[in-house]
Amino acid sequence: MFESYIKIFDRYGPDILSGLKLTIYITLISIIFGLFLGLILAILKLYGHKILKFLSSLYIEIIRGTPMTVQLFIIYYGLPSTGLVRFSPFVAAILGMGLNSAAYQAEYFRTAFNAIPVGQSDAALSIGMNRWKVILYILLPQVVRITIPAWTNELIALTQYSSLAMILTVMELTSVGKYIGSKTFMYIQSFAIIAVIYVIISIVFTRLMVYFEKRLAIPGVSVVRGRGSLF
């Protein structure tokens, strides 16, 4: 039974490693891109001009209301048909997943901003700080701590959603698993290996985020909750 797994690793180990690297790259770049864009969207939705509030809200609702697969198809297949721009499969996957993640992260940020007592902003404004300094120096450090648990969920979700890059012909983990299965006809073994790798990535990412959550916690202010014995 285990001979088939050893055979796959022996023959296709480099392909699996290459797919793993692409999966990690897509996940990390997408979530970082989504983080910065999501923060901008949240700030505009909360503190921007009426028009900017409307536009940011519209973007969030459209992205959250449509499947990521459709968004990826529009970016990779739709935009080139207009003659304006053409992206490589890897860039299209990162762009699509980053734009999608930004809409969800914007809501994480918005919720975190609203969770901070308004008295802090009022006190900062009363001593002469302008609104942008209040956001940067008073609110944002607290927002980062509050959103870490949500980021953990988003990071795990993006790890799994990175498999959608397969539809753009990116040879990430799931695509590699399909390739190995088509060559060996050992689909169960191939995708079992891929599934285990995804679980390991999720555990590692979760442990890292818990570490950062503990490092950024303020005794008596930030409470780090346990996540159960599994991780």
C-alpha atoms as a PDB file:
ATOM      1  CA  MET A   1       0.000   0.000   0.000  1.00  0.00           C
ATOM      2  CA  PHE A   2       2.705   2.449   1.006  1.00  0.00           C
ATOM      3  CA  GLU A   3       4.819   1.510  -2.000  1.00  0.00           C
ATOM      4  CA  SER A   4       2.570   3.573  -4.259  1.00  0.00           C
ATOM      5  CA  TYR A   5       3.075   6.685  -2.090  1.00  0.00           C
ATOM      6  CA  ILE A   6       6.829   6.149  -2.046  1.00  0.00           C
ATOM      7  CA  LYS A   7       6.792   5.726  -5.808  1.00  0.00           C
ATOM      8  CA  ILE A   8       4.936   9.017  -6.262  1.00  0.00           C
ATOM      9  CA  PHE A   9       7.326  10.901  -3.979  1.00  0.00           C
ATOM     10  CA  ASP A  10      10.359   9.333  -5.633  1.00  0.00           C
ATOM     11  CA  ARG A  11       9.261  10.186  -9.158  1.00  0.00           C
ATOM     12  CA  TYR A  12       7.254  13.378  -8.698  1.00  0.00           C
ATOM     13  CA  GLY A  13       8.810  14.894  -5.567  1.00  0.00           C
ATOM     14  CA  PRO A  14      10.243  17.915  -7.459  1.00  0.00           C
ATOM     15  CA  ASP A  15       6.853  18.592  -9.067  1.00  0.00           C
ATOM     16  CA  ILE A  16       5.134  18.474  -5.667  1.00  0.00           C
ATOM     17  CA  LEU A  17       7.735  20.825  -4.204  1.00  0.00           C
ATOM     18  CA  SER A  18       7.307  23.233  -7.119  1.00  0.00           C
ATOM     19  CA  GLY A  19       3.520  23.181  -6.685  1.00  0.00           C
ATOM     20  CA  LEU A  20       3.913  23.781  -2.959  1.00  0.00           C
ATOM     21  CA  LYS A  21       6.070  26.845  -3.591  1.00  0.00           C
ATOM     22  CA  LEU A  22       3.512  28.311  -6.011  1.00  0.00           C
ATOM     23  CA  THR A  23       0.678  27.658  -3.555  1.00  0.00           C
ATOM     24  CA  ILE A  24       2.533  29.448  -0.764  1.00  0.00           C
ATOM     25  CA  TYR A  25       3.522  32.342  -3.030  1.00  0.00           C
ATOM     26  CA  ILE A  26      -0.038  32.830  -4.265  1.00  0.00           C
ATOM     27  CA  THR A  27      -1.441  32.674  -0.738  1.00  0.00           C
ATOM     28  CA  LEU A  28       1.019  35.058   0.911  1.00  0.00           C
ATOM     29  CA  ILE A  29       1.147  37.639  -1.874  1.00  0.00           C
ATOM     30  CA  SER A  30      -2.654  37.619  -2.201  1.00  0.00           C
ATOM     31  CA  ILE A  31      -3.295  38.147   1.503  1.00  0.00           C
ATOM     32  CA  ILE A  32      -0.712  40.951   1.751  1.00  0.00           C
ATOM     33  CA  PHE A  33      -2.190  42.676  -1.301  1.00  0.00           C
ATOM     34  CA  GLY A  34      -5.674  42.198   0.129  1.00  0.00           C
ATOM     35  CA  LEU A  35      -4.539  43.536   3.499  1.00  0.00           C
ATOM     36  CA  PHE A  36      -3.413  46.911   2.190  1.00  0.00           C
ATOM     37  CA  LEU A  37      -6.327  47.326  -0.215  1.00  0.00           C
ATOM     38  CA  GLY A  38      -8.796  46.128   2.418  1.00  0.00           C
ATOM     39  CA  LEU A  39      -7.480  48.654   4.943  1.00  0.00           C
ATOM     40  CA  ILE A  40      -7.895  51.475   2.419  1.00  0.00           C
ATOM     41  CA  LEU A  41     -11.428  50.327   1.601  1.00  0.00           C
ATOM     42  CA  ALA A  42     -12.367  50.131   5.287  1.00  0.00           C
ATOM     43  CA  ILE A  43     -11.023  53.616   6.032  1.00  0.00           C
ATOM     44  CA  LEU A  44     -12.833  55.065   3.028  1.00  0.00           C
ATOM     45  CA  LYS A  45     -16.063  53.332   4.025  1.00  0.00           C
ATOM     46  CA  LEU A  46     -15.868  54.662   7.576  1.00  0.00           C
ATOM     47  CA  TYR A  47     -14.218  58.058   7.227  1.00  0.00           C
ATOM     48  CA  GLY A  48     -14.236  58.962   3.547  1.00  0.00           C
ATOM     49  CA  HIS A  49     -16.353  61.383   1.545  1.00  0.00           C
ATOM     50  CA  LYS A  50     -19.901  60.317   0.740  1.00  0.00           C
ATOM     51  CA  ILE A  51     -18.931  59.282  -2.806  1.00  0.00           C
ATOM     52  CA  LEU A  52     -15.889  57.330  -1.607  1.00  0.00           C
ATOM     53  CA  LYS A  53     -18.030  55.590   0.982  1.00  0.00           C
ATOM     54  CA  PHE A  54     -20.463  54.567  -1.736  1.00  0.00           C
ATOM     55  CA  LEU A  55     -17.725  53.323  -4.085  1.00  0.00           C
ATOM     56  CA  SER A  56     -15.948  51.299  -1.419  1.00  0.00           C
ATOM     57  CA  SER A  57     -19.238  49.772  -0.252  1.00  0.00           C
ATOM     58  CA  LEU A  58     -20.180  48.970  -3.849  1.00  0.00           C
ATOM     59  CA  TYR A  59     -16.842  47.251  -4.477  1.00  0.00           C
ATOM     60  CA  ILE A  60     -17.153  45.173  -1.302  1.00  0.00           C
ATOM     61  CA  GLU A  61     -20.704  44.080  -2.101  1.00  0.00           C
ATOM     62  CA  ILE A  62     -19.901  43.166  -5.721  1.00  0.00           C
ATOM     63  CA  ILE A  63     -16.812  41.148  -4.827  1.00  0.00           C
ATOM     64  CA  ARG A  64     -18.437  39.374  -1.888  1.00  0.00           C
ATOM     65  CA  GLY A  65     -21.565  38.707  -3.940  1.00  0.00           C
ATOM     66  CA  THR A  66     -19.847  36.966  -6.865  1.00  0.00           C
ATOM     67  CA  PRO A  67     -17.892  33.680  -6.967  1.00  0.00           C
ATOM     68  CA  MET A  68     -14.099  33.916  -7.028  1.00  0.00           C
ATOM     69  CA  THR A  69     -14.083  31.619 -10.060  1.00  0.00           C
ATOM     70  CA  VAL A  70     -16.059  34.198 -12.044  1.00  0.00           C
ATOM     71  CA  GLN A  71     -13.686  36.952 -10.913  1.00  0.00           C
ATOM     72  CA  LEU A  72     -10.656  34.924 -12.019  1.00  0.00           C
ATOM     73  CA  PHE A  73     -12.220  34.239 -15.422  1.00  0.00           C
ATOM     74  CA  ILE A  74     -12.961  37.941 -15.924  1.00  0.00           C
ATOM     75  CA  ILE A  75      -9.386  38.924 -15.062  1.00  0.00           C
ATOM     76  CA  TYR A  76      -7.648  36.199 -17.073  1.00  0.00           C
ATOM     77  CA  TYR A  77     -10.012  35.678 -20.010  1.00  0.00           C
ATOM     78  CA  GLY A  78     -12.262  38.730 -20.019  1.00  0.00           C
ATOM     79  CA  LEU A  79      -9.800  41.623 -19.791  1.00  0.00           C
ATOM     80  CA  PRO A  80      -7.588  40.396 -22.674  1.00  0.00           C
ATOM     81  CA  SER A  81     -10.658  40.291 -24.917  1.00  0.00           C
ATOM     82  CA  THR A  82     -10.952  44.063 -24.458  1.00  0.00           C
ATOM     83  CA  GLY A  83      -7.430  44.542 -25.782  1.00  0.00           C
ATOM     84  CA  LEU A  84      -6.470  46.625 -22.740  1.00  0.00           C
ATOM     85  CA  VAL A  85      -4.339  44.268 -20.661  1.00  0.00           C
ATOM     86  CA  ARG A  86      -3.207  40.659 -20.506  1.00  0.00           C
ATOM     87  CA  PHE A  87      -1.920  38.941 -17.374  1.00  0.00           C
ATOM     88  CA  SER A  88       0.077  35.749 -16.999  1.00  0.00           C
ATOM     89  CA  PRO A  89      -1.803  32.920 -15.224  1.00  0.00           C
ATOM     90  CA  PHE A  90       0.252  33.403 -12.032  1.00  0.00           C
ATOM     91  CA  VAL A  91      -0.298  37.182 -11.908  1.00  0.00           C
ATOM     92  CA  ALA A  92      -4.001  36.791 -12.742  1.00  0.00           C
ATOM     93  CA  ALA A  93      -4.421  34.307  -9.883  1.00  0.00           C
ATOM     94  CA  ILE A  94      -2.718  36.623  -7.385  1.00  0.00           C
ATOM     95  CA  LEU A  95      -4.649  39.658  -8.623  1.00  0.00           C
ATOM     96  CA  GLY A  96      -8.000  37.875  -8.509  1.00  0.00           C
ATOM     97  CA  MET A  97      -7.488  36.369  -5.076  1.00  0.00           C
ATOM     98  CA  GLY A  98      -5.997  39.573  -3.694  1.00  0.00           C
ATOM     99  CA  LEU A  99      -8.933  41.668  -4.911  1.00  0.00           C
ATOM    100  CA  ASN A 100     -11.337  39.104  -3.480  1.00  0.00           C
ATOM    101  CA  SER A 101      -9.533  38.968  -0.139  1.00  0.00           C
ATOM    102  CA  ALA A 102      -9.501  42.774   0.069  1.00  0.00           C
ATOM    103  CA  ALA A 103     -13.302  42.894   0.168  1.00  0.00           C
ATOM    104  CA  TYR A 104     -13.458  40.483   3.101  1.00  0.00           C
ATOM    105  CA  GLN A 105     -10.530  42.050   4.923  1.00  0.00           C
ATOM    106  CA  ALA A 106     -12.186  45.452   4.560  1.00  0.00           C
ATOM    107  CA  GLU A 107     -15.073  44.129   6.628  1.00  0.00           C
ATOM    108  CA  TYR A 108     -12.671  42.706   9.211  1.00  0.00           C
ATOM    109  CA  PHE A 109     -11.032  46.126   9.512  1.00  0.00           C
ATOM    110  CA  ARG A 110     -14.363  47.950   9.624  1.00  0.00           C
ATOM    111  CA  THR A 111     -15.589  45.727  12.437  1.00  0.00           C
ATOM    112  CA  ALA A 112     -12.325  46.242  14.338  1.00  0.00           C
ATOM    113  CA  PHE A 113     -12.496  50.038  13.969  1.00  0.00           C
ATOM    114  CA  ASN A 114     -16.072  50.012  15.265  1.00  0.00           C
ATOM    115  CA  ALA A 115     -15.046  47.850  18.231  1.00  0.00           C
ATOM    116  CA  ILE A 116     -12.764  50.578  19.606  1.00  0.00           C
ATOM    117  CA  PRO A 117     -14.529  52.924  22.065  1.00  0.00           C
ATOM    118  CA  VAL A 118     -15.314  56.242  20.379  1.00  0.00           C
ATOM    119  CA  GLY A 119     -14.034  58.067  23.454  1.00  0.00           C
ATOM    120  CA  GLN A 120     -10.469  57.362  22.394  1.00  0.00           C
ATOM    121  CA  SER A 121     -10.943  59.227  19.121  1.00  0.00           C
ATOM    122  CA  ASP A 122     -12.725  62.090  20.844  1.00  0.00           C
ATOM    123  CA  ALA A 123      -9.925  62.432  23.394  1.00  0.00           C
ATOM    124  CA  ALA A 124      -7.237  62.441  20.688  1.00  0.00           C
ATOM    125  CA  LEU A 125      -9.105  65.044  18.636  1.00  0.00           C
ATOM    126  CA  SER A 126      -9.574  67.210  21.721  1.00  0.00           C
ATOM    127  CA  ILE A 127      -5.803  67.523  22.237  1.00  0.00           C
ATOM    128  CA  GLY A 128      -5.225  68.692  18.675  1.00  0.00           C
ATOM    129  CA  MET A 129      -4.596  65.502  16.661  1.00  0.00           C
ATOM    130  CA  ASN A 130      -6.152  65.486  13.210  1.00  0.00           C
ATOM    131  CA  ARG A 131      -8.329  62.637  11.986  1.00  0.00           C
ATOM    132  CA  TRP A 132      -5.579  60.865  10.016  1.00  0.00           C
ATOM    133  CA  LYS A 133      -3.169  60.929  12.965  1.00  0.00           C
ATOM    134  CA  VAL A 134      -5.904  59.473  15.163  1.00  0.00           C
ATOM    135  CA  ILE A 135      -6.383  56.630  12.667  1.00  0.00           C
ATOM    136  CA  LEU A 136      -2.648  55.991  12.263  1.00  0.00           C
ATOM    137  CA  TYR A 137      -1.412  56.297  15.837  1.00  0.00           C
ATOM    138  CA  ILE A 138      -4.441  55.552  18.015  1.00  0.00           C
ATOM    139  CA  LEU A 139      -6.807  53.258  16.147  1.00  0.00           C
ATOM    140  CA  LEU A 140      -4.672  51.254  13.723  1.00  0.00           C
ATOM    141  CA  PRO A 141      -2.400  49.547  16.312  1.00  0.00           C
ATOM    142  CA  GLN A 142      -5.496  48.309  18.131  1.00  0.00           C
ATOM    143  CA  VAL A 143      -7.180  47.277  14.882  1.00  0.00           C
ATOM    144  CA  VAL A 144      -4.194  45.087  13.996  1.00  0.00           C
ATOM    145  CA  ARG A 145      -4.497  43.186  17.282  1.00  0.00           C
ATOM    146  CA  ILE A 146      -8.254  42.781  16.954  1.00  0.00           C
ATOM    147  CA  THR A 147      -8.125  41.453  13.379  1.00  0.00           C
ATOM    148  CA  ILE A 148      -5.425  38.789  13.844  1.00  0.00           C
ATOM    149  CA  PRO A 149      -7.970  35.969  14.497  1.00  0.00           C
ATOM    150  CA  ALA A 150      -9.872  36.993  11.349  1.00  0.00           C
ATOM    151  CA  TRP A 151      -6.604  37.098   9.402  1.00  0.00           C
ATOM    152  CA  THR A 152      -5.904  33.546  10.530  1.00  0.00           C
ATOM    153  CA  ASN A 153      -9.186  32.378   9.011  1.00  0.00           C
ATOM    154  CA  GLU A 154      -8.550  34.398   5.857  1.00  0.00           C
ATOM    155  CA  LEU A 155      -5.049  32.957   5.480  1.00  0.00           C
ATOM    156  CA  ILE A 156      -6.354  29.388   5.742  1.00  0.00           C
ATOM    157  CA  ALA A 157      -9.200  30.150   3.342  1.00  0.00           C
ATOM    158  CA  LEU A 158      -6.818  31.662   0.772  1.00  0.00           C
ATOM    159  CA  THR A 159      -4.567  28.619   1.080  1.00  0.00           C
ATOM    160  CA  GLN A 160      -7.493  26.472   0.012  1.00  0.00           C
ATOM    161  CA  TYR A 161      -8.760  28.938  -2.588  1.00  0.00           C
ATOM    162  CA  SER A 162      -5.313  28.967  -4.192  1.00  0.00           C
ATOM    163  CA  SER A 163      -6.345  25.650  -5.730  1.00  0.00           C
ATOM    164  CA  LEU A 164      -8.640  27.667  -8.021  1.00  0.00           C
ATOM    165  CA  ALA A 165      -5.496  28.852  -9.803  1.00  0.00           C
ATOM    166  CA  MET A 166      -5.634  25.447 -11.480  1.00  0.00           C
ATOM    167  CA  ILE A 167      -8.387  26.734 -13.780  1.00  0.00           C
ATOM    168  CA  LEU A 168      -5.907  29.343 -15.048  1.00  0.00           C
ATOM    169  CA  THR A 169      -3.348  26.585 -15.794  1.00  0.00           C
ATOM    170  CA  VAL A 170      -1.127  27.495 -12.823  1.00  0.00           C
ATOM    171  CA  MET A 171       0.743  24.380 -11.665  1.00  0.00           C
ATOM    172  CA  GLU A 172       0.042  24.771  -7.955  1.00  0.00           C
ATOM    173  CA  LEU A 173      -0.519  21.833  -5.596  1.00  0.00           C
ATOM    174  CA  THR A 174      -3.958  20.735  -6.780  1.00  0.00           C
ATOM    175  CA  SER A 175      -2.938  20.999 -10.416  1.00  0.00           C
ATOM    176  CA  VAL A 176       0.182  18.938  -9.684  1.00  0.00           C
ATOM    177  CA  GLY A 177      -1.982  16.320  -7.979  1.00  0.00           C
ATOM    178  CA  LYS A 178      -4.177  16.092 -11.050  1.00  0.00           C
ATOM    179  CA  TYR A 179      -1.107  15.830 -13.282  1.00  0.00           C
ATOM    180  CA  ILE A 180       0.382  13.016 -11.201  1.00  0.00           C
ATOM    181  CA  GLY A 181      -2.936  11.183 -11.167  1.00  0.00           C
ATOM    182  CA  SER A 182      -3.235  11.426 -14.937  1.00  0.00           C
ATOM    183  CA  LYS A 183       0.267   9.988 -15.360  1.00  0.00           C
ATOM    184  CA  THR A 184       0.074   7.190 -12.801  1.00  0.00           C
ATOM    185  CA  PHE A 185      -3.699   6.554 -12.595  1.00  0.00           C
ATOM    186  CA  MET A 186      -3.245   6.605  -8.807  1.00  0.00           C
ATOM    187  CA  TYR A 187      -5.674   9.450  -8.185  1.00  0.00           C
ATOM    188  CA  ILE A 188      -6.508   8.472  -4.608  1.00  0.00           C
ATOM    189  CA  GLN A 189      -2.862   8.336  -3.577  1.00  0.00           C
ATOM    190  CA  SER A 190      -1.996  11.521  -5.460  1.00  0.00           C
ATOM    191  CA  PHE A 191      -4.769  13.635  -3.967  1.00  0.00           C
ATOM    192  CA  ALA A 192      -4.294  12.059  -0.525  1.00  0.00           C
ATOM    193  CA  ILE A 193      -0.724  13.366  -0.565  1.00  0.00           C
ATOM    194  CA  ILE A 194      -1.901  16.787  -1.716  1.00  0.00           C
ATOM    195  CA  ALA A 195      -4.597  16.859   0.989  1.00  0.00           C
ATOM    196  CA  VAL A 196      -2.056  16.056   3.714  1.00  0.00           C
ATOM    197  CA  ILE A 197       0.209  18.845   2.471  1.00  0.00           C
ATOM    198  CA  TYR A 198      -2.684  21.330   2.621  1.00  0.00           C
ATOM    199  CA  VAL A 199      -3.424  20.256   6.208  1.00  0.00           C
ATOM    200  CA  ILE A 200       0.234  20.736   7.163  1.00  0.00           C
ATOM    201  CA  ILE A 201       0.312  24.205   5.573  1.00  0.00           C
ATOM    202  CA  SER A 202      -2.862  25.166   7.447  1.00  0.00           C
ATOM    203  CA  ILE A 203      -1.433  23.984  10.767  1.00  0.00           C
ATOM    204  CA  VAL A 204       1.831  25.873  10.216  1.00  0.00           C
ATOM    205  CA  PHE A 205       0.034  29.092   9.233  1.00  0.00           C
ATOM    206  CA  THR A 206      -2.317  28.786  12.217  1.00  0.00           C
ATOM    207  CA  ARG A 207       0.554  28.286  14.643  1.00  0.00           C
ATOM    208  CA  LEU A 208       2.383  31.299  13.202  1.00  0.00           C
ATOM    209  CA  MET A 209      -0.674  33.524  13.555  1.00  0.00           C
ATOM    210  CA  VAL A 210      -1.246  32.370  17.137  1.00  0.00           C
ATOM    211  CA  TYR A 211       2.396  33.231  17.861  1.00  0.00           C
ATOM    212  CA  PHE A 212       1.960  36.747  16.460  1.00  0.00           C
ATOM    213  CA  GLU A 213      -1.280  37.143  18.364  1.00  0.00           C
ATOM    214  CA  LYS A 214       0.481  36.314  21.621  1.00  0.00           C
ATOM    215  CA  ARG A 215       3.440  38.572  20.812  1.00  0.00           C
ATOM    216  CA  LEU A 216       1.184  41.548  20.114  1.00  0.00           C
ATOM    217  CA  ALA A 217      -1.129  40.954  23.054  1.00  0.00           C
ATOM    218  CA  ILE A 218      -1.167  43.601  25.794  1.00  0.00           C
ATOM    219  CA  PRO A 219      -1.625  42.097  29.271  1.00  0.00           C
ATOM    220  CA  GLY A 220      -4.934  43.210  30.714  1.00  0.00           C
ATOM    221  CA  VAL A 221      -6.085  44.631  27.373  1.00  0.00           C
ATOM    222  CA  SER A 222      -5.670  41.989  24.657  1.00  0.00           C
ATOM    223  CA  VAL A 223      -6.867  38.534  25.585  1.00  0.00           C
ATOM    224  CA  VAL A 224      -5.452  35.606  23.621  1.00  0.00           C
ATOM    225  CA  ARG A 225      -8.063  32.891  23.454  1.00  0.00           C
ATOM    226  CA  GLY A 226      -7.221  29.260  23.166  1.00  0.00           C
ATOM    227  CA  ARG A 227      -7.980  27.578  19.822  1.00  0.00           C
ATOM    228  CA  GLY A 228      -8.414  24.063  21.083  1.00  0.00           C
ATOM    229  CA  SER A 229      -5.976  21.176  21.328  1.00  0.00           C
ATOM    230  CA  LEU A 230      -5.877  20.322  17.621  1.00  0.00           C
ATOM    231  CA  PHE A 231      -3.463  23.114  16.660  1.00  0.00           C
END
